Amino acid sequence: MRAAWYEKQGPPNESLVIGDMPEPMPAPSEIRIRIAASGVNPGDVKKRQDTFGVGMPYPRVIPHSDGAGVVDHVGDGVDPKWIGQRVWCFGAQSYRPFGTAAELCVVPETQVFELPDDVSFEQGALLGIPGLTAHRAVHAGGAVEGRTVLVQGGAGAVGTCAVRLARLAGATVIATVQSPAQSEVAKEAGAHQVVESGEGTAARVVAIAPGGIDHIVEVAFAANIASDEQMLKLGGSIATYASNAPDATIPFWPLVFKNVRVFFLGSDDFPLEAKREAARDMNDAIQQGWVGLPVGARFALEQIAEAHAFIEERKGAGRVIVTI
């Protein structure tokens, strides 16, 4: 099979290789997918860059955790009815060496979900890390029905999913964005109110929700924690999955006096059932008419280095897809 891989970390054009590998065979309880589209996430790029100093976890890594395609083989103990099904998967390269940047990918059955007939393979390949992270970020603090949820960065990949999932869960959703164009993305996802970020953001949010915010989904923890504290009501919560800086100074006593709970979220290590619940809810969100995440750029497998560079250099908005 054709695949992309790296055996050393570094710049994309120096580390990523395209070539042929033996076809993988599914072990018991595993499913093999003939990949049509492979989603490229910032986390995939960071692993290849060794951003967090973990090093090479395996001698050879096929990148990308998310993908979609058609099942062509199943392992022992897996119902053969899967064969021929359109599916999407998550976690293909989470604690496993070989992800979806290949013609064939093997994943555990528990990480595979049917792709609705009217949903493209591209959209299926975008549902994994953003959807699972967003779902956990929305629900980490408890049920949100009847509560007010603020999504910081409501037009980003995780943010857009969080807006949609919070709205479907019965929350009143406020989203912050950086531009009028992003405002339309957040509104389409279901935000009741949208606020452009900048000076006075906290005051504008409080004017919309004078009783305070119950729960915040946070994309830039270091930059926003001080204003988040101002917006939260007593007993409120924050779920953060990213930060604009690795170190953050927090307003400790104000957070203490408000009894604020803070959840730090890393998608690779969510409980499996939480991931599966998120996957089911993402399928529901798509089937209920959400258009999904915008695709910013498409690359062939042979152009995977360009796909990674597109994300590293922030060459444009929208998600990045490698088509296979």
C-alpha atoms as a PDB file:
ATOM      1  CA  MET A   1       0.000   0.000   0.000  1.00  0.00           C
ATOM      2  CA  ARG A   2       1.026   3.629  -0.482  1.00  0.00           C
ATOM      3  CA  ALA A   3       1.633   5.487   2.745  1.00  0.00           C
ATOM      4  CA  ALA A   4       3.322   8.523   4.252  1.00  0.00           C
ATOM      5  CA  TRP A   5       5.545   8.122   7.291  1.00  0.00           C
ATOM      6  CA  TYR A   6       8.411   9.563   9.267  1.00  0.00           C
ATOM      7  CA  GLU A   7      11.279   7.870  11.081  1.00  0.00           C
ATOM      8  CA  LYS A   8      12.692  11.081  12.494  1.00  0.00           C
ATOM      9  CA  GLN A   9      11.067  14.270  13.741  1.00  0.00           C
ATOM     10  CA  GLY A  10      11.660  17.669  12.196  1.00  0.00           C
ATOM     11  CA  PRO A  11      10.450  19.955   9.395  1.00  0.00           C
ATOM     12  CA  PRO A  12       7.828  18.335   7.143  1.00  0.00           C
ATOM     13  CA  ASN A  13       9.935  18.362   3.978  1.00  0.00           C
ATOM     14  CA  GLU A  14      12.844  16.733   5.848  1.00  0.00           C
ATOM     15  CA  SER A  15      10.958  14.116   7.828  1.00  0.00           C
ATOM     16  CA  LEU A  16       7.932  12.927   5.834  1.00  0.00           C
ATOM     17  CA  VAL A  17       8.468  10.132   3.323  1.00  0.00           C
ATOM     18  CA  ILE A  18       6.099   8.658   0.725  1.00  0.00           C
ATOM     19  CA  GLY A  19       6.482   5.018  -0.240  1.00  0.00           C
ATOM     20  CA  ASP A  20       5.128   1.489  -0.226  1.00  0.00           C
ATOM     21  CA  MET A  21       4.527  -0.623   2.873  1.00  0.00           C
ATOM     22  CA  PRO A  22       3.055  -4.095   3.401  1.00  0.00           C
ATOM     23  CA  GLU A  23      -0.706  -4.131   3.765  1.00  0.00           C
ATOM     24  CA  PRO A  24      -1.703  -4.226   7.443  1.00  0.00           C
ATOM     25  CA  MET A  25      -4.020  -7.002   8.602  1.00  0.00           C
ATOM     26  CA  PRO A  26      -6.565  -6.520  11.390  1.00  0.00           C
ATOM     27  CA  ALA A  27      -5.971  -8.366  14.649  1.00  0.00           C
ATOM     28  CA  PRO A  28      -8.929  -9.674  16.685  1.00  0.00           C
ATOM     29  CA  SER A  29     -11.471  -6.912  17.423  1.00  0.00           C
ATOM     30  CA  GLU A  30      -9.946  -4.664  14.763  1.00  0.00           C
ATOM     31  CA  ILE A  31     -11.266  -3.210  11.514  1.00  0.00           C
ATOM     32  CA  ARG A  32      -9.340  -2.297   8.368  1.00  0.00           C
ATOM     33  CA  ILE A  33     -10.439   0.796   6.478  1.00  0.00           C
ATOM     34  CA  ARG A  34      -9.552   1.693   2.908  1.00  0.00           C
ATOM     35  CA  ILE A  35      -8.966   5.380   3.562  1.00  0.00           C
ATOM     36  CA  ALA A  36     -10.523   7.997   1.291  1.00  0.00           C
ATOM     37  CA  ALA A  37      -9.737  11.093   3.356  1.00  0.00           C
ATOM     38  CA  SER A  38      -7.296  11.720   6.193  1.00  0.00           C
ATOM     39  CA  GLY A  39      -7.828  14.691   8.508  1.00  0.00           C
ATOM     40  CA  VAL A  40      -4.753  16.682   9.520  1.00  0.00           C
ATOM     41  CA  ASN A  41      -4.931  18.124  13.041  1.00  0.00           C
ATOM     42  CA  PRO A  42      -2.525  20.495  14.799  1.00  0.00           C
ATOM     43  CA  GLY A  43      -1.783  17.650  17.212  1.00  0.00           C
ATOM     44  CA  ASP A  44      -0.540  15.495  14.313  1.00  0.00           C
ATOM     45  CA  VAL A  45       1.829  18.277  13.301  1.00  0.00           C
ATOM     46  CA  LYS A  46       3.056  18.761  16.879  1.00  0.00           C
ATOM     47  CA  LYS A  47       3.844  15.043  17.196  1.00  0.00           C
ATOM     48  CA  ARG A  48       5.953  15.202  14.037  1.00  0.00           C
ATOM     49  CA  GLN A  49       7.670  18.377  15.275  1.00  0.00           C
ATOM     50  CA  ASP A  50       8.250  16.869  18.743  1.00  0.00           C
ATOM     51  CA  THR A  51       6.746  20.023  20.229  1.00  0.00           C
ATOM     52  CA  PHE A  52       6.433  18.517  23.692  1.00  0.00           C
ATOM     53  CA  GLY A  53       9.802  16.718  23.768  1.00  0.00           C
ATOM     54  CA  VAL A  54       8.376  13.190  23.835  1.00  0.00           C
ATOM     55  CA  GLY A  55      10.627  11.931  21.053  1.00  0.00           C
ATOM     56  CA  MET A  56       9.833   9.156  18.576  1.00  0.00           C
ATOM     57  CA  PRO A  57       7.333   6.794  20.247  1.00  0.00           C
ATOM     58  CA  TYR A  58       7.848   4.174  17.526  1.00  0.00           C
ATOM     59  CA  PRO A  59      10.628   3.572  14.963  1.00  0.00           C
ATOM     60  CA  ARG A  60       8.218   4.485  12.148  1.00  0.00           C
ATOM     61  CA  VAL A  61       5.047   6.570  12.414  1.00  0.00           C
ATOM     62  CA  ILE A  62       2.281   6.947   9.839  1.00  0.00           C
ATOM     63  CA  PRO A  63       0.695  10.224  10.989  1.00  0.00           C
ATOM     64  CA  HIS A  64      -2.902  11.351  11.509  1.00  0.00           C
ATOM     65  CA  SER A  65      -5.487  10.038  13.930  1.00  0.00           C
ATOM     66  CA  ASP A  66      -8.672  10.875  12.017  1.00  0.00           C
ATOM     67  CA  GLY A  67      -9.930   9.458   8.750  1.00  0.00           C
ATOM     68  CA  ALA A  68     -12.829   8.100   6.736  1.00  0.00           C
ATOM     69  CA  GLY A  69     -13.331   5.473   4.086  1.00  0.00           C
ATOM     70  CA  VAL A  70     -14.813   2.028   3.481  1.00  0.00           C
ATOM     71  CA  VAL A  71     -14.249  -1.098   5.567  1.00  0.00           C
ATOM     72  CA  ASP A  72     -12.610  -3.852   3.506  1.00  0.00           C
ATOM     73  CA  HIS A  73     -11.470  -6.375   6.145  1.00  0.00           C
ATOM     74  CA  VAL A  74     -12.265  -7.288   9.744  1.00  0.00           C
ATOM     75  CA  GLY A  75     -10.470  -9.273  12.411  1.00  0.00           C
ATOM     76  CA  ASP A  76     -11.721 -12.207  14.429  1.00  0.00           C
ATOM     77  CA  GLY A  77     -14.659 -11.374  16.659  1.00  0.00           C
ATOM     78  CA  VAL A  78     -15.869  -8.500  14.469  1.00  0.00           C
ATOM     79  CA  ASP A  79     -19.218  -8.797  12.705  1.00  0.00           C
ATOM     80  CA  PRO A  80     -18.578  -9.129   8.935  1.00  0.00           C
ATOM     81  CA  LYS A  81     -21.513  -6.774   8.331  1.00  0.00           C
ATOM     82  CA  TRP A  82     -18.939  -3.980   8.678  1.00  0.00           C
ATOM     83  CA  ILE A  83     -17.389  -4.938   5.338  1.00  0.00           C
ATOM     84  CA  GLY A  84     -18.434  -2.426   2.673  1.00  0.00           C
ATOM     85  CA  GLN A  85     -19.692   0.121   5.232  1.00  0.00           C
ATOM     86  CA  ARG A  86     -18.792   3.795   4.908  1.00  0.00           C
ATOM     87  CA  VAL A  87     -17.135   4.757   8.203  1.00  0.00           C
ATOM     88  CA  TRP A  88     -15.061   7.333  10.051  1.00  0.00           C
ATOM     89  CA  CYS A  89     -12.528   6.647  12.769  1.00  0.00           C
ATOM     90  CA  PHE A  90     -10.703   8.402  15.572  1.00  0.00           C
ATOM     91  CA  GLY A  91      -7.516   7.672  17.507  1.00  0.00           C
ATOM     92  CA  ALA A  92      -5.818   5.729  14.711  1.00  0.00           C
ATOM     93  CA  GLN A  93      -2.435   7.114  15.768  1.00  0.00           C
ATOM     94  CA  SER A  94      -3.151   7.448  19.488  1.00  0.00           C
ATOM     95  CA  TYR A  95      -0.824   5.032  21.312  1.00  0.00           C
ATOM     96  CA  ARG A  96      -0.483   3.251  17.968  1.00  0.00           C
ATOM     97  CA  PRO A  97       2.209   3.721  15.306  1.00  0.00           C
ATOM     98  CA  PHE A  98       0.188   3.734  12.083  1.00  0.00           C
ATOM     99  CA  GLY A  99      -2.453   6.381  11.396  1.00  0.00           C
ATOM    100  CA  THR A 100      -4.661   7.319   8.465  1.00  0.00           C
ATOM    101  CA  ALA A 101      -2.121   8.857   6.060  1.00  0.00           C
ATOM    102  CA  ALA A 102      -2.132   5.635   4.055  1.00  0.00           C
ATOM    103  CA  GLU A 103      -4.313   3.689   1.672  1.00  0.00           C
ATOM    104  CA  LEU A 104      -5.193   1.234   4.449  1.00  0.00           C
ATOM    105  CA  CYS A 105      -5.494   1.749   8.195  1.00  0.00           C
ATOM    106  CA  VAL A 106      -6.300  -0.701  10.995  1.00  0.00           C
ATOM    107  CA  VAL A 107      -8.088   0.519  14.143  1.00  0.00           C
ATOM    108  CA  PRO A 108      -9.989  -1.093  17.026  1.00  0.00           C
ATOM    109  CA  GLU A 109     -13.680  -1.631  16.318  1.00  0.00           C
ATOM    110  CA  THR A 110     -14.531   0.616  19.283  1.00  0.00           C
ATOM    111  CA  GLN A 111     -13.009   3.572  17.429  1.00  0.00           C
ATOM    112  CA  VAL A 112     -15.010   3.159  14.219  1.00  0.00           C
ATOM    113  CA  PHE A 113     -18.446   4.647  13.512  1.00  0.00           C
ATOM    114  CA  GLU A 114     -20.743   4.459  10.526  1.00  0.00           C
ATOM    115  CA  LEU A 115     -20.693   7.553   8.337  1.00  0.00           C
ATOM    116  CA  PRO A 116     -24.198   8.743   7.399  1.00  0.00           C
ATOM    117  CA  ASP A 117     -24.886   8.283   3.681  1.00  0.00           C
ATOM    118  CA  ASP A 118     -25.274  11.998   3.009  1.00  0.00           C
ATOM    119  CA  VAL A 119     -22.008  12.952   4.724  1.00  0.00           C
ATOM    120  CA  SER A 120     -18.831  13.118   2.629  1.00  0.00           C
ATOM    121  CA  PHE A 121     -15.662  11.244   3.474  1.00  0.00           C
ATOM    122  CA  GLU A 122     -13.988  14.626   3.933  1.00  0.00           C
ATOM    123  CA  GLN A 123     -16.432  15.640   6.649  1.00  0.00           C
ATOM    124  CA  GLY A 124     -16.073  12.228   8.252  1.00  0.00           C
ATOM    125  CA  ALA A 125     -12.316  12.716   8.417  1.00  0.00           C
ATOM    126  CA  LEU A 126     -12.811  16.000  10.286  1.00  0.00           C
ATOM    127  CA  LEU A 127     -15.032  14.689  13.085  1.00  0.00           C
ATOM    128  CA  GLY A 128     -12.481  12.985  15.335  1.00  0.00           C
ATOM    129  CA  ILE A 129     -10.130  15.102  17.429  1.00  0.00           C
ATOM    130  CA  PRO A 130     -12.128  18.362  17.128  1.00  0.00           C
ATOM    131  CA  GLY A 131     -15.457  16.673  17.885  1.00  0.00           C
ATOM    132  CA  LEU A 132     -14.221  14.528  20.753  1.00  0.00           C
ATOM    133  CA  THR A 133     -12.347  17.449  22.321  1.00  0.00           C
ATOM    134  CA  ALA A 134     -15.330  19.759  21.950  1.00  0.00           C
ATOM    135  CA  HIS A 135     -17.744  17.252  23.449  1.00  0.00           C
ATOM    136  CA  ARG A 136     -15.537  16.697  26.485  1.00  0.00           C
ATOM    137  CA  ALA A 137     -15.000  20.449  26.852  1.00  0.00           C
ATOM    138  CA  VAL A 138     -18.742  21.115  26.807  1.00  0.00           C
ATOM    139  CA  HIS A 139     -19.700  18.341  29.231  1.00  0.00           C
ATOM    140  CA  ALA A 140     -16.692  18.134  31.582  1.00  0.00           C
ATOM    141  CA  GLY A 141     -18.408  20.334  34.155  1.00  0.00           C
ATOM    142  CA  GLY A 142     -21.715  18.467  34.049  1.00  0.00           C
ATOM    143  CA  ALA A 143     -24.988  18.748  32.146  1.00  0.00           C
ATOM    144  CA  VAL A 144     -25.389  22.053  30.305  1.00  0.00           C
ATOM    145  CA  GLU A 145     -29.119  21.963  29.594  1.00  0.00           C
ATOM    146  CA  GLY A 146     -30.630  25.257  30.743  1.00  0.00           C
ATOM    147  CA  ARG A 147     -27.192  26.711  31.509  1.00  0.00           C
ATOM    148  CA  THR A 148     -25.204  29.485  29.831  1.00  0.00           C
ATOM    149  CA  VAL A 149     -22.042  28.311  28.041  1.00  0.00           C
ATOM    150  CA  LEU A 150     -19.346  30.597  26.644  1.00  0.00           C
ATOM    151  CA  VAL A 151     -17.178  29.184  23.850  1.00  0.00           C
ATOM    152  CA  GLN A 152     -13.956  31.114  23.440  1.00  0.00           C
ATOM    153  CA  GLY A 153     -12.811  30.898  19.829  1.00  0.00           C
ATOM    154  CA  GLY A 154     -16.206  29.810  18.567  1.00  0.00           C
ATOM    155  CA  ALA A 155     -15.136  29.720  14.905  1.00  0.00           C
ATOM    156  CA  GLY A 156     -12.159  27.385  15.322  1.00  0.00           C
ATOM    157  CA  ALA A 157     -12.435  23.661  14.692  1.00  0.00           C
ATOM    158  CA  VAL A 158     -13.009  22.650  18.315  1.00  0.00           C
ATOM    159  CA  GLY A 159     -14.902  25.863  19.051  1.00  0.00           C
ATOM    160  CA  THR A 160     -17.367  25.385  16.200  1.00  0.00           C
ATOM    161  CA  CYS A 161     -18.044  21.808  17.287  1.00  0.00           C
ATOM    162  CA  ALA A 162     -18.451  22.987  20.885  1.00  0.00           C
ATOM    163  CA  VAL A 163     -21.001  25.605  19.864  1.00  0.00           C
ATOM    164  CA  ARG A 164     -23.020  23.006  17.970  1.00  0.00           C
ATOM    165  CA  LEU A 165     -22.855  20.368  20.693  1.00  0.00           C
ATOM    166  CA  ALA A 166     -23.704  22.822  23.497  1.00  0.00           C
ATOM    167  CA  ARG A 167     -26.683  24.125  21.520  1.00  0.00           C
ATOM    168  CA  LEU A 168     -27.960  20.596  20.855  1.00  0.00           C
ATOM    169  CA  ALA A 169     -27.523  19.796  24.566  1.00  0.00           C
ATOM    170  CA  GLY A 170     -29.921  22.609  25.495  1.00  0.00           C
ATOM    171  CA  ALA A 171     -27.503  25.366  26.567  1.00  0.00           C
ATOM    172  CA  THR A 172     -27.690  29.063  25.849  1.00  0.00           C
ATOM    173  CA  VAL A 173     -24.505  29.555  23.843  1.00  0.00           C
ATOM    174  CA  ILE A 174     -22.358  32.667  23.582  1.00  0.00           C
ATOM    175  CA  ALA A 175     -19.290  32.521  21.320  1.00  0.00           C
ATOM    176  CA  THR A 176     -16.308  34.824  20.979  1.00  0.00           C
ATOM    177  CA  VAL A 177     -14.665  35.276  17.574  1.00  0.00           C
ATOM    178  CA  GLN A 178     -11.953  37.435  16.072  1.00  0.00           C
ATOM    179  CA  SER A 179     -13.690  38.847  12.987  1.00  0.00           C
ATOM    180  CA  PRO A 180     -17.121  39.437  11.399  1.00  0.00           C
ATOM    181  CA  ALA A 181     -16.481  36.564   8.961  1.00  0.00           C
ATOM    182  CA  GLN A 182     -15.900  34.200  11.877  1.00  0.00           C
ATOM    183  CA  SER A 183     -19.105  35.471  13.440  1.00  0.00           C
ATOM    184  CA  GLU A 184     -21.110  33.858  10.647  1.00  0.00           C
ATOM    185  CA  VAL A 185     -19.395  30.499  11.238  1.00  0.00           C
ATOM    186  CA  ALA A 186     -20.293  30.568  14.941  1.00  0.00           C
ATOM    187  CA  LYS A 187     -23.874  31.602  14.210  1.00  0.00           C
ATOM    188  CA  GLU A 188     -24.303  28.816  11.655  1.00  0.00           C
ATOM    189  CA  ALA A 189     -23.093  26.343  14.266  1.00  0.00           C
ATOM    190  CA  GLY A 190     -25.817  27.539  16.614  1.00  0.00           C
ATOM    191  CA  ALA A 191     -24.480  30.364  18.791  1.00  0.00           C
ATOM    192  CA  HIS A 192     -27.290  32.469  20.272  1.00  0.00           C
ATOM    193  CA  GLN A 193     -24.969  35.461  20.650  1.00  0.00           C
ATOM    194  CA  VAL A 194     -21.545  36.243  19.186  1.00  0.00           C
ATOM    195  CA  VAL A 195     -19.018  38.716  20.611  1.00  0.00           C
ATOM    196  CA  GLU A 196     -15.884  39.895  18.822  1.00  0.00           C
ATOM    197  CA  SER A 197     -12.804  39.499  21.011  1.00  0.00           C
ATOM    198  CA  GLY A 198     -10.845  42.535  22.084  1.00  0.00           C
ATOM    199  CA  GLU A 199     -10.787  45.192  24.743  1.00  0.00           C
ATOM    200  CA  GLY A 200     -13.924  45.010  26.872  1.00  0.00           C
ATOM    201  CA  THR A 201     -14.872  41.458  25.837  1.00  0.00           C
ATOM    202  CA  ALA A 202     -15.728  40.454  29.408  1.00  0.00           C
ATOM    203  CA  ALA A 203     -17.978  43.489  29.886  1.00  0.00           C
ATOM    204  CA  ARG A 204     -19.855  42.772  26.645  1.00  0.00           C
ATOM    205  CA  VAL A 205     -20.385  39.144  27.619  1.00  0.00           C
ATOM    206  CA  VAL A 206     -21.605  40.114  31.089  1.00  0.00           C
ATOM    207  CA  ALA A 207     -24.038  42.567  29.474  1.00  0.00           C
ATOM    208  CA  ILE A 208     -25.512  39.634  27.527  1.00  0.00           C
ATOM    209  CA  ALA A 209     -25.476  37.295  30.549  1.00  0.00           C
ATOM    210  CA  PRO A 210     -25.774  39.533  33.642  1.00  0.00           C
ATOM    211  CA  GLY A 211     -26.226  36.502  35.881  1.00  0.00           C
ATOM    212  CA  GLY A 212     -22.804  35.224  34.832  1.00  0.00           C
ATOM    213  CA  ILE A 213     -21.526  32.293  32.783  1.00  0.00           C
ATOM    214  CA  ASP A 214     -22.001  28.745  34.031  1.00  0.00           C
ATOM    215  CA  HIS A 215     -19.306  27.082  31.936  1.00  0.00           C
ATOM    216  CA  ILE A 216     -16.517  28.240  29.612  1.00  0.00           C
ATOM    217  CA  VAL A 217     -14.892  26.266  26.795  1.00  0.00           C
ATOM    218  CA  GLU A 218     -11.413  27.796  26.592  1.00  0.00           C
ATOM    219  CA  VAL A 219      -8.914  27.771  23.703  1.00  0.00           C
ATOM    220  CA  ALA A 220      -6.385  30.331  25.018  1.00  0.00           C
ATOM    221  CA  PHE A 221      -6.070  29.650  28.734  1.00  0.00           C
ATOM    222  CA  ALA A 222      -3.084  31.893  29.522  1.00  0.00           C
ATOM    223  CA  ALA A 223      -4.545  34.897  27.719  1.00  0.00           C
ATOM    224  CA  ASN A 224      -8.124  34.564  28.922  1.00  0.00           C
ATOM    225  CA  ILE A 225      -8.110  33.136  32.445  1.00  0.00           C
ATOM    226  CA  ALA A 226      -8.296  36.549  34.139  1.00  0.00           C
ATOM    227  CA  SER A 227     -11.312  37.658  32.084  1.00  0.00           C
ATOM    228  CA  ASP A 228     -12.856  34.186  32.356  1.00  0.00           C
ATOM    229  CA  GLU A 229     -12.883  34.600  36.134  1.00  0.00           C
ATOM    230  CA  GLN A 230     -14.711  37.917  35.777  1.00  0.00           C
ATOM    231  CA  MET A 231     -17.445  36.345  33.653  1.00  0.00           C
ATOM    232  CA  LEU A 232     -18.043  33.172  35.655  1.00  0.00           C
ATOM    233  CA  LYS A 233     -20.748  32.906  38.254  1.00  0.00           C
ATOM    234  CA  LEU A 234     -20.232  31.311  41.669  1.00  0.00           C
ATOM    235  CA  GLY A 235     -19.482  27.597  41.205  1.00  0.00           C
ATOM    236  CA  GLY A 236     -18.819  28.007  37.500  1.00  0.00           C
ATOM    237  CA  SER A 237     -16.371  25.891  35.520  1.00  0.00           C
ATOM    238  CA  ILE A 238     -13.774  26.135  32.768  1.00  0.00           C
ATOM    239  CA  ALA A 239     -12.704  23.358  30.409  1.00  0.00           C
ATOM    240  CA  THR A 240      -9.514  24.185  28.523  1.00  0.00           C
ATOM    241  CA  TYR A 241      -7.878  22.180  25.767  1.00  0.00           C
ATOM    242  CA  ALA A 242      -5.275  24.686  24.548  1.00  0.00           C
ATOM    243  CA  SER A 243      -3.290  27.733  25.556  1.00  0.00           C
ATOM    244  CA  ASN A 244      -1.651  30.603  23.746  1.00  0.00           C
ATOM    245  CA  ALA A 245       1.382  30.192  26.031  1.00  0.00           C
ATOM    246  CA  PRO A 246       2.759  27.205  27.964  1.00  0.00           C
ATOM    247  CA  ASP A 247       2.861  29.099  31.269  1.00  0.00           C
ATOM    248  CA  ALA A 248      -0.089  30.937  32.767  1.00  0.00           C
ATOM    249  CA  THR A 249      -0.517  33.266  35.727  1.00  0.00           C
ATOM    250  CA  ILE A 250      -3.908  32.708  37.321  1.00  0.00           C
ATOM    251  CA  PRO A 251      -6.001  34.959  39.583  1.00  0.00           C
ATOM    252  CA  PHE A 252      -5.851  32.396  42.366  1.00  0.00           C
ATOM    253  CA  TRP A 253      -7.927  34.001  45.130  1.00  0.00           C
ATOM    254  CA  PRO A 254     -10.750  35.264  42.881  1.00  0.00           C
ATOM    255  CA  LEU A 255     -11.037  31.737  41.443  1.00  0.00           C
ATOM    256  CA  VAL A 256     -11.014  30.297  44.971  1.00  0.00           C
ATOM    257  CA  PHE A 257     -13.686  32.645  46.260  1.00  0.00           C
ATOM    258  CA  LYS A 258     -15.920  31.763  43.311  1.00  0.00           C
ATOM    259  CA  ASN A 259     -15.301  28.037  43.825  1.00  0.00           C
ATOM    260  CA  VAL A 260     -14.372  27.702  40.169  1.00  0.00           C
ATOM    261  CA  ARG A 261     -13.559  24.261  38.753  1.00  0.00           C
ATOM    262  CA  VAL A 262     -10.951  24.016  35.979  1.00  0.00           C
ATOM    263  CA  PHE A 263     -10.658  20.977  33.719  1.00  0.00           C
ATOM    264  CA  PHE A 264      -7.509  20.446  31.645  1.00  0.00           C
ATOM    265  CA  LEU A 265      -8.267  18.234  28.644  1.00  0.00           C
ATOM    266  CA  GLY A 266      -5.967  16.096  26.485  1.00  0.00           C
ATOM    267  CA  SER A 267      -7.956  14.213  23.864  1.00  0.00           C
ATOM    268  CA  ASP A 268      -5.706  11.128  23.620  1.00  0.00           C
ATOM    269  CA  ASP A 269      -6.512  10.230  27.213  1.00  0.00           C
ATOM    270  CA  PHE A 270     -10.261  10.754  27.450  1.00  0.00           C
ATOM    271  CA  PRO A 271     -12.105   7.653  28.709  1.00  0.00           C
ATOM    272  CA  LEU A 272     -13.135   5.438  25.797  1.00  0.00           C
ATOM    273  CA  GLU A 273     -16.844   5.652  26.611  1.00  0.00           C
ATOM    274  CA  ALA A 274     -16.614   9.453  26.660  1.00  0.00           C
ATOM    275  CA  LYS A 275     -15.063   9.292  23.180  1.00  0.00           C
ATOM    276  CA  ARG A 276     -17.791   6.977  21.937  1.00  0.00           C
ATOM    277  CA  GLU A 277     -20.536   9.181  23.363  1.00  0.00           C
ATOM    278  CA  ALA A 278     -18.916  12.148  21.645  1.00  0.00           C
ATOM    279  CA  ALA A 279     -18.782  10.259  18.337  1.00  0.00           C
ATOM    280  CA  ARG A 280     -22.479   9.388  18.575  1.00  0.00           C
ATOM    281  CA  ASP A 281     -23.364  13.016  19.317  1.00  0.00           C
ATOM    282  CA  MET A 282     -21.212  14.263  16.434  1.00  0.00           C
ATOM    283  CA  ASN A 283     -23.060  11.936  14.059  1.00  0.00           C
ATOM    284  CA  ASP A 284     -26.346  13.282  15.441  1.00  0.00           C
ATOM    285  CA  ALA A 285     -25.175  16.872  14.937  1.00  0.00           C
ATOM    286  CA  ILE A 286     -24.370  16.181  11.283  1.00  0.00           C
ATOM    287  CA  GLN A 287     -27.609  14.304  10.675  1.00  0.00           C
ATOM    288  CA  GLN A 288     -29.626  17.154  12.177  1.00  0.00           C
ATOM    289  CA  GLY A 289     -28.502  19.510   9.450  1.00  0.00           C
ATOM    290  CA  TRP A 290     -25.196  21.007  10.580  1.00  0.00           C
ATOM    291  CA  VAL A 291     -22.951  21.609   7.561  1.00  0.00           C
ATOM    292  CA  GLY A 292     -19.859  20.564   9.513  1.00  0.00           C
ATOM    293  CA  LEU A 293     -16.386  22.079   9.500  1.00  0.00           C
ATOM    294  CA  PRO A 294     -15.140  24.121   6.540  1.00  0.00           C
ATOM    295  CA  VAL A 295     -12.308  22.623   4.494  1.00  0.00           C
ATOM    296  CA  GLY A 296      -9.547  25.154   3.965  1.00  0.00           C
ATOM    297  CA  ALA A 297      -7.190  23.103   1.799  1.00  0.00           C
ATOM    298  CA  ARG A 298      -6.935  19.692   0.164  1.00  0.00           C
ATOM    299  CA  PHE A 299      -3.728  17.844  -0.648  1.00  0.00           C
ATOM    300  CA  ALA A 300      -2.901  14.516  -2.267  1.00  0.00           C
ATOM    301  CA  LEU A 301      -0.972  11.960  -0.216  1.00  0.00           C
ATOM    302  CA  GLU A 302       2.184  12.858  -2.163  1.00  0.00           C
ATOM    303  CA  GLN A 303       1.724  16.465  -0.963  1.00  0.00           C
ATOM    304  CA  ILE A 304       1.516  15.624   2.750  1.00  0.00           C
ATOM    305  CA  ALA A 305       4.549  17.793   3.571  1.00  0.00           C
ATOM    306  CA  GLU A 306       2.705  20.762   2.069  1.00  0.00           C
ATOM    307  CA  ALA A 307      -0.381  19.881   4.124  1.00  0.00           C
ATOM    308  CA  HIS A 308       1.639  19.944   7.339  1.00  0.00           C
ATOM    309  CA  ALA A 309       3.351  23.196   6.309  1.00  0.00           C
ATOM    310  CA  PHE A 310      -0.067  24.735   5.632  1.00  0.00           C
ATOM    311  CA  ILE A 311      -0.961  24.225   9.290  1.00  0.00           C
ATOM    312  CA  GLU A 312       2.470  25.120  10.696  1.00  0.00           C
ATOM    313  CA  GLU A 313       2.644  28.376   8.763  1.00  0.00           C
ATOM    314  CA  ARG A 314      -1.064  29.207   9.183  1.00  0.00           C
ATOM    315  CA  LYS A 315      -1.477  29.763   5.470  1.00  0.00           C
ATOM    316  CA  GLY A 316      -5.255  29.879   5.617  1.00  0.00           C
ATOM    317  CA  ALA A 317      -8.433  29.229   7.542  1.00  0.00           C
ATOM    318  CA  GLY A 318     -10.398  25.990   7.605  1.00  0.00           C
ATOM    319  CA  ARG A 319      -9.399  22.372   8.098  1.00  0.00           C
ATOM    320  CA  VAL A 320      -6.809  20.487   6.087  1.00  0.00           C
ATOM    321  CA  ILE A 321      -7.539  17.207   4.306  1.00  0.00           C
ATOM    322  CA  VAL A 322      -5.229  14.681   2.662  1.00  0.00           C
ATOM    323  CA  THR A 323      -7.145  12.754   0.001  1.00  0.00           C
ATOM    324  CA  ILE A 324      -6.109   9.200  -0.775  1.00  0.00           C
END
